[in-house]
C-alpha atoms as a PDB file:
ATOM      1  CA  PRO A   1      44.879 -79.698 -64.946  1.00  0.00           C
ATOM      2  CA  ARG A   2      43.227 -82.820 -63.577  1.00  0.00           C
ATOM      3  CA  LEU A   3      39.575 -82.838 -62.602  1.00  0.00           C
ATOM      4  CA  ARG A   4      38.636 -83.700 -59.013  1.00  0.00           C
ATOM      5  CA  LEU A   5      35.149 -85.100 -58.546  1.00  0.00           C
ATOM      6  CA  GLY A   6      33.020 -86.547 -55.773  1.00  0.00           C
ATOM      7  CA  ARG A   7      33.337 -84.049 -52.937  1.00  0.00           C
ATOM      8  CA  ALA A   8      29.978 -84.530 -51.241  1.00  0.00           C
ATOM      9  CA  ALA A   9      29.973 -81.166 -49.485  1.00  0.00           C
ATOM     10  CA  MET A  10      30.018 -79.289 -52.788  1.00  0.00           C
ATOM     11  CA  ILE A  11      27.256 -80.456 -55.089  1.00  0.00           C
ATOM     12  CA  ALA A  12      28.178 -80.074 -58.741  1.00  0.00           C
ATOM     13  CA  ALA A  13      31.423 -78.388 -57.725  1.00  0.00           C
ATOM     14  CA  LEU A  14      34.000 -77.894 -60.434  1.00  0.00           C
ATOM     15  CA  LEU A  15      37.476 -78.321 -59.026  1.00  0.00           C
ATOM     16  CA  PHE A  16      40.696 -77.716 -60.912  1.00  0.00           C
ATOM     17  CA  ALA A  17      43.859 -79.077 -59.283  1.00  0.00           C
ATOM     18  CA  VAL A  18      47.127 -78.015 -60.797  1.00  0.00           C
ATOM     19  CA  GLN A  19      50.713 -78.025 -59.724  1.00  0.00           C
ATOM     20  CA  ALA A  20      52.983 -75.048 -60.211  1.00  0.00           C
ATOM     21  CA  VAL A  21      56.429 -75.740 -58.880  1.00  0.00           C
ATOM     22  CA  LYS A  22      54.822 -78.242 -56.494  1.00  0.00           C
ATOM     23  CA  THR A  23      52.253 -75.721 -55.244  1.00  0.00           C
ATOM     24  CA  ASP A  24      48.777 -77.172 -54.700  1.00  0.00           C
ATOM     25  CA  VAL A  25      46.183 -74.905 -56.301  1.00  0.00           C
ATOM     26  CA  GLU A  26      42.474 -75.518 -56.687  1.00  0.00           C
ATOM     27  CA  VAL A  27      39.388 -73.654 -57.848  1.00  0.00           C
ATOM     28  CA  VAL A  28      36.056 -74.137 -56.074  1.00  0.00           C
ATOM     29  CA  PRO A  29      32.634 -72.492 -56.581  1.00  0.00           C
ATOM     30  CA  PRO A  30      32.169 -68.909 -55.321  1.00  0.00           C
ATOM     31  CA  VAL A  31      31.325 -68.460 -51.664  1.00  0.00           C
ATOM     32  CA  ARG A  32      29.057 -65.520 -52.532  1.00  0.00           C
ATOM     33  CA  PRO A  33      27.894 -64.173 -55.902  1.00  0.00           C
ATOM     34  CA  GLY A  34      30.010 -61.284 -57.143  1.00  0.00           C
ATOM     35  CA  VAL A  35      32.913 -62.070 -54.803  1.00  0.00           C
ATOM     36  CA  VAL A  36      36.181 -63.899 -55.405  1.00  0.00           C
ATOM     37  CA  THR A  37      37.468 -65.466 -52.190  1.00  0.00           C
ATOM     38  CA  VAL A  38      41.068 -66.568 -51.699  1.00  0.00           C
ATOM     39  CA  GLU A  39      42.573 -68.785 -49.029  1.00  0.00           C
ATOM     40  CA  ALA A  40      46.232 -69.757 -48.771  1.00  0.00           C
ATOM     41  CA  LEU A  41      47.944 -72.051 -46.279  1.00  0.00           C
ATOM     42  CA  MET A  42      51.647 -71.692 -45.513  1.00  0.00           C
ATOM     43  CA  ARG A  43      52.853 -74.964 -44.012  1.00  0.00           C
ATOM     44  CA  LEU A  44      55.043 -74.497 -40.960  1.00  0.00           C
ATOM     45  CA  PRO A  45      58.513 -76.003 -40.672  1.00  0.00           C
ATOM     46  CA  LYS A  46      59.719 -77.827 -37.587  1.00  0.00           C
ATOM     47  CA  ALA A  47      59.779 -75.317 -34.744  1.00  0.00           C
ATOM     48  CA  GLY A  48      61.190 -74.997 -31.246  1.00  0.00           C
ATOM     49  CA  PRO A  49      60.177 -72.511 -28.514  1.00  0.00           C
ATOM     50  CA  ARG A  50      61.925 -69.576 -30.225  1.00  0.00           C
ATOM     51  CA  GLU A  51      60.423 -70.375 -33.641  1.00  0.00           C
ATOM     52  CA  ARG A  52      56.915 -70.633 -32.172  1.00  0.00           C
ATOM     53  CA  ALA A  53      57.317 -67.099 -30.842  1.00  0.00           C
ATOM     54  CA  GLU A  54      58.651 -65.963 -34.234  1.00  0.00           C
ATOM     55  CA  LEU A  55      55.670 -67.548 -36.012  1.00  0.00           C
ATOM     56  CA  ALA A  56      53.280 -65.640 -33.753  1.00  0.00           C
ATOM     57  CA  ILE A  57      55.141 -62.426 -34.593  1.00  0.00           C
ATOM     58  CA  ILE A  58      54.972 -63.165 -38.327  1.00  0.00           C
ATOM     59  CA  ALA A  59      51.223 -63.808 -38.101  1.00  0.00           C
ATOM     60  CA  ASP A  60      50.718 -60.558 -36.208  1.00  0.00           C
ATOM     61  CA  SER A  61      52.823 -58.350 -38.507  1.00  0.00           C
ATOM     62  CA  LEU A  62      52.480 -60.060 -41.906  1.00  0.00           C
ATOM     63  CA  LEU A  63      49.740 -57.730 -43.158  1.00  0.00           C
ATOM     64  CA  ASP A  64      51.435 -54.555 -41.928  1.00  0.00           C
ATOM     65  CA  ASP A  65      53.272 -53.719 -45.150  1.00  0.00           C
ATOM     66  CA  THR A  66      54.353 -55.412 -48.384  1.00  0.00           C
ATOM     67  CA  GLU A  67      56.436 -54.339 -51.370  1.00  0.00           C
ATOM     68  CA  GLU A  68      53.378 -53.058 -53.276  1.00  0.00           C
ATOM     69  CA  TYR A  69      50.637 -52.672 -50.674  1.00  0.00           C
ATOM     70  CA  GLY A  70      50.347 -51.076 -47.269  1.00  0.00           C
ATOM     71  CA  HIS A  71      47.931 -52.359 -44.638  1.00  0.00           C
ATOM     72  CA  ARG A  72      45.325 -49.688 -45.439  1.00  0.00           C
ATOM     73  CA  GLN A  73      45.437 -50.585 -49.136  1.00  0.00           C
ATOM     74  CA  LEU A  74      44.955 -54.271 -48.375  1.00  0.00           C
ATOM     75  CA  VAL A  75      41.963 -53.528 -46.171  1.00  0.00           C
ATOM     76  CA  LYS A  76      40.477 -51.081 -48.682  1.00  0.00           C
ATOM     77  CA  LEU A  77      40.706 -53.603 -51.532  1.00  0.00           C
ATOM     78  CA  THR A  78      39.133 -56.419 -49.521  1.00  0.00           C
ATOM     79  CA  VAL A  79      36.709 -54.912 -47.012  1.00  0.00           C
ATOM     80  CA  MET A  80      33.890 -54.319 -49.542  1.00  0.00           C
ATOM     81  CA  SER A  81      33.694 -58.062 -50.186  1.00  0.00           C
ATOM     82  CA  GLY A  82      32.667 -58.716 -46.595  1.00  0.00           C
ATOM     83  CA  ASP A  83      35.781 -60.868 -46.197  1.00  0.00           C
ATOM     84  CA  SER A  84      38.521 -58.431 -45.242  1.00  0.00           C
ATOM     85  CA  VAL A  85      42.097 -59.694 -45.344  1.00  0.00           C
ATOM     86  CA  ARG A  86      43.226 -61.574 -42.263  1.00  0.00           C
ATOM     87  CA  CYS A  87      45.952 -63.902 -41.093  1.00  0.00           C
ATOM     88  CA  ASP A  88      45.531 -66.757 -38.599  1.00  0.00           C
ATOM     89  CA  LEU A  89      48.165 -68.987 -37.030  1.00  0.00           C
ATOM     90  CA  PHE A  90      47.369 -72.669 -36.483  1.00  0.00           C
ATOM     91  CA  PRO A  91      49.547 -75.476 -35.077  1.00  0.00           C
ATOM     92  CA  ASP A  92      50.575 -76.697 -38.544  1.00  0.00           C
ATOM     93  CA  CYS A  93      50.071 -73.732 -40.851  1.00  0.00           C
ATOM     94  CA  LEU A  94      49.574 -70.001 -41.206  1.00  0.00           C
ATOM     95  CA  ARG A  95      46.377 -69.129 -43.070  1.00  0.00           C
ATOM     96  CA  VAL A  96      45.794 -66.016 -45.175  1.00  0.00           C
ATOM     97  CA  ARG A  97      42.263 -65.324 -46.369  1.00  0.00           C
ATOM     98  CA  PHE A  98      40.549 -62.446 -48.146  1.00  0.00           C
ATOM     99  CA  GLY A  99      37.889 -61.636 -50.695  1.00  0.00           C
ATOM    100  CA  VAL A 100      37.514 -59.020 -53.413  1.00  0.00           C
ATOM    101  CA  LEU A 101      34.604 -57.913 -55.567  1.00  0.00           C
ATOM    102  CA  ASP A 102      34.504 -59.274 -59.110  1.00  0.00           C
ATOM    103  CA  THR A 103      35.415 -55.806 -60.356  1.00  0.00           C
ATOM    104  CA  ASP A 104      38.734 -56.008 -58.453  1.00  0.00           C
ATOM    105  CA  VAL A 105      39.676 -59.525 -59.550  1.00  0.00           C
ATOM    106  CA  ALA A 106      42.889 -58.249 -61.181  1.00  0.00           C
ATOM    107  CA  SER A 107      44.258 -57.511 -57.700  1.00  0.00           C
ATOM    108  CA  VAL A 108      43.805 -61.063 -56.362  1.00  0.00           C
ATOM    109  CA  VAL A 109      47.124 -62.615 -57.421  1.00  0.00           C
ATOM    110  CA  PRO A 110      49.251 -59.500 -56.722  1.00  0.00           C
ATOM    111  CA  ILE A 111      47.788 -59.203 -53.214  1.00  0.00           C
ATOM    112  CA  LEU A 112      48.316 -62.888 -52.478  1.00  0.00           C
ATOM    113  CA  ALA A 113      51.872 -62.906 -53.855  1.00  0.00           C
ATOM    114  CA  ASN A 114      52.790 -59.813 -51.858  1.00  0.00           C
ATOM    115  CA  ILE A 115      51.531 -61.296 -48.596  1.00  0.00           C
ATOM    116  CA  LEU A 116      53.049 -64.748 -49.063  1.00  0.00           C
ATOM    117  CA  HIS A 117      56.341 -63.732 -50.625  1.00  0.00           C
ATOM    118  CA  SER A 118      56.985 -59.999 -50.375  1.00  0.00           C
ATOM    119  CA  ALA A 119      55.958 -58.857 -46.908  1.00  0.00           C
ATOM    120  CA  GLU A 120      58.352 -56.214 -45.613  1.00  0.00           C
ATOM    121  CA  LEU A 121      58.352 -57.292 -41.927  1.00  0.00           C
ATOM    122  CA  HIS A 122      60.015 -54.044 -40.895  1.00  0.00           C
ATOM    123  CA  GLU A 123      61.967 -53.992 -37.654  1.00  0.00           C
ATOM    124  CA  ASP A 124      59.631 -51.339 -36.206  1.00  0.00           C
ATOM    125  CA  ALA A 125      56.578 -53.469 -37.006  1.00  0.00           C
ATOM    126  CA  ILE A 126      58.209 -56.517 -35.424  1.00  0.00           C
ATOM    127  CA  LYS A 127      59.095 -54.570 -32.262  1.00  0.00           C
ATOM    128  CA  GLU A 128      55.522 -53.280 -32.057  1.00  0.00           C
ATOM    129  CA  SER A 129      54.219 -56.820 -32.506  1.00  0.00           C
ATOM    130  CA  VAL A 130      56.496 -58.112 -29.728  1.00  0.00           C
ATOM    131  CA  GLU A 131      55.258 -55.455 -27.316  1.00  0.00           C
ATOM    132  CA  THR A 132      51.649 -56.276 -28.210  1.00  0.00           C
ATOM    133  CA  LEU A 133      52.053 -60.028 -27.879  1.00  0.00           C
ATOM    134  CA  LEU A 134      53.941 -59.765 -24.580  1.00  0.00           C
ATOM    135  CA  PHE A 135      50.925 -58.213 -22.904  1.00  0.00           C
ATOM    136  CA  GLU A 136      48.238 -60.020 -24.847  1.00  0.00           C
ATOM    137  CA  ARG A 137      45.697 -61.609 -22.564  1.00  0.00           C
ATOM    138  CA  ARG A 138      45.471 -65.330 -23.309  1.00  0.00           C
ATOM    139  CA  ASP A 139      42.272 -67.116 -22.372  1.00  0.00           C
ATOM    140  CA  TYR A 140      42.210 -70.409 -20.493  1.00  0.00           C
ATOM    141  CA  TRP A 141      41.515 -72.443 -23.620  1.00  0.00           C
ATOM    142  CA  SER A 142      44.557 -71.023 -25.428  1.00  0.00           C
ATOM    143  CA  SER A 143      46.711 -71.584 -22.351  1.00  0.00           C
ATOM    144  CA  ALA A 144      45.561 -75.198 -22.128  1.00  0.00           C
ATOM    145  CA  LEU A 145      46.435 -75.855 -25.780  1.00  0.00           C
ATOM    146  CA  GLU A 146      49.793 -74.113 -25.561  1.00  0.00           C
ATOM    147  CA  PRO A 147      50.902 -73.948 -21.907  1.00  0.00           C
ATOM    148  CA  GLU A 148      54.293 -72.377 -22.484  1.00  0.00           C
ATOM    149  CA  ALA A 149      55.769 -68.928 -22.062  1.00  0.00           C
ATOM    150  CA  MET A 150      56.446 -67.531 -25.539  1.00  0.00           C
ATOM    151  CA  ARG A 151      59.969 -66.159 -25.997  1.00  0.00           C
ATOM    152  CA  TYR A 152      59.068 -63.069 -27.985  1.00  0.00           C
ATOM    153  CA  ARG A 153      62.077 -61.041 -26.820  1.00  0.00           C
ATOM    154  CA  ASP A 154      64.444 -63.720 -28.162  1.00  0.00           C
ATOM    155  CA  ALA A 155      63.157 -63.213 -31.701  1.00  0.00           C
ATOM    156  CA  HIS A 156      65.438 -61.390 -34.148  1.00  0.00           C
ATOM    157  CA  VAL A 157      64.604 -59.856 -37.509  1.00  0.00           C
ATOM    158  CA  PRO A 158      67.056 -61.978 -39.593  1.00  0.00           C
ATOM    159  CA  ASP A 159      65.697 -65.195 -38.054  1.00  0.00           C
ATOM    160  CA  ILE A 160      62.124 -64.078 -38.641  1.00  0.00           C
ATOM    161  CA  MET A 161      62.869 -63.216 -42.281  1.00  0.00           C
ATOM    162  CA  ALA A 162      64.564 -66.608 -42.806  1.00  0.00           C
ATOM    163  CA  LEU A 163      61.571 -68.424 -41.328  1.00  0.00           C
ATOM    164  CA  TYR A 164      59.150 -66.415 -43.459  1.00  0.00           C
ATOM    165  CA  GLY A 165      61.225 -67.155 -46.555  1.00  0.00           C
ATOM    166  CA  VAL A 166      60.997 -70.897 -45.981  1.00  0.00           C
ATOM    167  CA  MET A 167      57.248 -70.774 -45.372  1.00  0.00           C
ATOM    168  CA  GLY A 168      56.681 -68.796 -48.574  1.00  0.00           C
ATOM    169  CA  ARG A 169      58.386 -71.268 -50.904  1.00  0.00           C
ATOM    170  CA  PRO A 170      55.973 -72.630 -53.563  1.00  0.00           C
ATOM    171  CA  GLU A 171      56.123 -76.210 -52.298  1.00  0.00           C
ATOM    172  CA  ASN A 172      54.968 -75.096 -48.831  1.00  0.00           C
ATOM    173  CA  LEU A 173      51.829 -73.373 -50.137  1.00  0.00           C
ATOM    174  CA  THR A 174      48.282 -74.539 -50.730  1.00  0.00           C
ATOM    175  CA  VAL A 175      46.064 -72.017 -52.511  1.00  0.00           C
ATOM    176  CA  THR A 176      42.314 -72.073 -53.134  1.00  0.00           C
ATOM    177  CA  PHE A 177      40.418 -69.645 -55.355  1.00  0.00           C
ATOM    178  CA  ALA A 178      36.645 -69.573 -54.868  1.00  0.00           C
ATOM    179  CA  ALA A 179      35.443 -68.215 -58.191  1.00  0.00           C
ATOM    180  CA  THR A 180      33.579 -69.128 -61.377  1.00  0.00           C
ATOM    181  CA  PRO A 181      35.398 -71.675 -63.576  1.00  0.00           C
ATOM    182  CA  THR A 182      36.443 -69.061 -66.134  1.00  0.00           C
ATOM    183  CA  VAL A 183      37.749 -66.583 -63.567  1.00  0.00           C
ATOM    184  CA  GLY A 184      39.346 -69.395 -61.591  1.00  0.00           C
ATOM    185  CA  ALA A 185      41.219 -70.745 -64.601  1.00  0.00           C
ATOM    186  CA  ASP A 186      42.575 -67.270 -65.301  1.00  0.00           C
ATOM    187  CA  LEU A 187      43.685 -66.845 -61.676  1.00  0.00           C
ATOM    188  CA  VAL A 188      45.487 -70.197 -61.764  1.00  0.00           C
ATOM    189  CA  GLU A 189      47.348 -69.159 -64.911  1.00  0.00           C
ATOM    190  CA  ARG A 190      48.295 -65.818 -63.362  1.00  0.00           C
ATOM    191  CA  TRP A 191      49.491 -67.582 -60.217  1.00  0.00           C
ATOM    192  CA  HIS A 192      51.643 -69.923 -62.310  1.00  0.00           C
ATOM    193  CA  SER A 193      53.310 -66.981 -63.994  1.00  0.00           C
ATOM    194  CA  THR A 194      53.819 -65.098 -60.737  1.00  0.00           C
ATOM    195  CA  ILE A 195      55.575 -67.851 -58.805  1.00  0.00           C
ATOM    196  CA  ASP A 196      57.618 -69.038 -61.780  1.00  0.00           C
ATOM    197  CA  GLY A 197      60.646 -67.050 -60.638  1.00  0.00           C
ATOM    198  CA  TRP A 198      60.344 -67.781 -56.929  1.00  0.00           C
ATOM    199  CA  GLU A 199      63.046 -69.757 -55.194  1.00  0.00           C
ATOM    200  CA  HIS A 200      61.935 -73.318 -54.557  1.00  0.00           C
ATOM    201  CA  GLY A 201      63.229 -76.746 -53.680  1.00  0.00           C
ATOM    202  CA  PRO A 202      65.428 -77.719 -50.721  1.00  0.00           C
ATOM    203  CA  SER A 203      66.418 -74.770 -48.550  1.00  0.00           C
ATOM    204  CA  ALA A 204      69.144 -74.290 -46.013  1.00  0.00           C
ATOM    205  CA  ALA A 205      68.040 -75.930 -42.787  1.00  0.00           C
ATOM    206  CA  LEU A 206      66.843 -73.548 -40.117  1.00  0.00           C
ATOM    207  CA  ASN A 207      68.795 -73.527 -36.882  1.00  0.00           C
ATOM    208  CA  VAL A 208      65.860 -74.837 -34.865  1.00  0.00           C
ATOM    209  CA  ASP A 209      65.783 -73.982 -31.168  1.00  0.00           C
ATOM    210  CA  ARG A 210      66.000 -77.304 -29.319  1.00  0.00           C
ATOM    211  CA  SER A 211      65.665 -75.952 -25.790  1.00  0.00           C
ATOM    212  CA  SER A 212      62.796 -77.078 -23.583  1.00  0.00           C
ATOM    213  CA  PRO A 213      59.774 -74.767 -23.475  1.00  0.00           C
ATOM    214  CA  LYS A 214      59.139 -72.955 -20.222  1.00  0.00           C
ATOM    215  CA  PRO A 215      55.626 -73.462 -18.833  1.00  0.00           C
ATOM    216  CA  THR A 216      53.292 -70.595 -18.115  1.00  0.00           C
ATOM    217  CA  PHE A 217      52.960 -70.563 -14.341  1.00  0.00           C
ATOM    218  CA  ARG A 218      50.714 -67.535 -14.068  1.00  0.00           C
ATOM    219  CA  ARG A 219      47.621 -66.539 -16.013  1.00  0.00           C
ATOM    220  CA  ARG A 220      45.943 -63.165 -16.045  1.00  0.00           C
ATOM    221  CA  GLY A 221      42.323 -62.832 -15.083  1.00  0.00           C
ATOM    222  CA  LYS A 222      39.875 -64.969 -13.149  1.00  0.00           C
ATOM    223  CA  LEU A 223      37.760 -67.895 -14.269  1.00  0.00           C
ATOM    224  CA  THR A 224      34.001 -67.637 -13.774  1.00  0.00           C
ATOM    225  CA  THR A 225      31.514 -70.458 -14.356  1.00  0.00           C
ATOM    226  CA  ILE A 226      27.804 -69.708 -14.685  1.00  0.00           C
ATOM    227  CA  LEU A 227      25.128 -72.421 -14.618  1.00  0.00           C
ATOM    228  CA  LEU A 228      21.654 -71.576 -15.929  1.00  0.00           C
ATOM    229  CA  ARG A 229      18.652 -73.813 -15.205  1.00  0.00           C
ATOM    230  CA  GLY A 230      15.053 -73.734 -16.315  1.00  0.00           C
ATOM    231  CA  ARG A 231      12.071 -75.821 -17.341  1.00  0.00           C
ATOM    232  CA  ALA A 232      12.610 -78.306 -20.157  1.00  0.00           C
ATOM    233  CA  ILE A 233      11.518 -76.999 -23.550  1.00  0.00           C
ATOM    234  CA  LYS A 234       9.517 -79.546 -25.516  1.00  0.00           C
ATOM    235  CA  ALA A 235       9.491 -79.569 -29.293  1.00  0.00           C
ATOM    236  CA  ARG A 236       5.687 -79.897 -29.419  1.00  0.00           C
ATOM    237  CA  ASP A 237       5.237 -76.725 -27.345  1.00  0.00           C
ATOM    238  CA  PRO A 238       3.686 -73.968 -29.563  1.00  0.00           C
ATOM    239  CA  ALA A 239       6.245 -71.514 -28.141  1.00  0.00           C
ATOM    240  CA  PHE A 240       9.191 -73.873 -28.850  1.00  0.00           C
ATOM    241  CA  ALA A 241      10.762 -71.698 -31.578  1.00  0.00           C
ATOM    242  CA  THR A 242      10.339 -68.505 -29.544  1.00  0.00           C
ATOM    243  CA  ASN A 243      11.867 -70.039 -26.412  1.00  0.00           C
ATOM    244  CA  LEU A 244      14.755 -71.542 -28.380  1.00  0.00           C
ATOM    245  CA  LEU A 245      15.485 -68.166 -29.958  1.00  0.00           C
ATOM    246  CA  ALA A 246      15.347 -66.469 -26.569  1.00  0.00           C
ATOM    247  CA  ILE A 247      17.880 -68.917 -25.136  1.00  0.00           C
END
């Protein structure tokens, strides 16, 4: 391991950076006492309109079921930490985050490995996700960032599994364990051992959809703007804190 120093945002932070089959792994101080927090980023490959729909489906159904854990088990193991398992899709990565109590630290690596590498992505779950996403109400901000009609119905299970398999390769992952140095070092070692047998290196190129995205011409709902006005609140006013809190 090589020591990383000088991150101003984390005073006296002890960071371990290691590489396991080209996977970036680091240990940072605990977010909360008695809780081990985990965050993993799955870097996204080049994607066309169809792949962007498939990525949204993966994000929506990833936590449904894995080889060892069902969705209820994942929630049960993480909810007591105050950081229940969740999955978020960003333009360049898919993020998985969860926390467990110190007493459940042995489940950290198995949970993470199951989500990143062994999600079942059943056909029924994918169909349910498609139906949900098709009628999901997108706000104006989301529509402005991604003004295209998502081709959810063009997504197929084999293509989704292939895309997920590429994302879950060790070299496409960045993992952070927020834990004490001793616990963190043990988690890093366990992670090393877990991914040792995973397929890695160059993969067969995905057949990326090169068609032009279709714009979203219609949006559901109406836009309402509300303007509130009042007297200026001065910092020297004795009621400054009360007024600020009220606002």
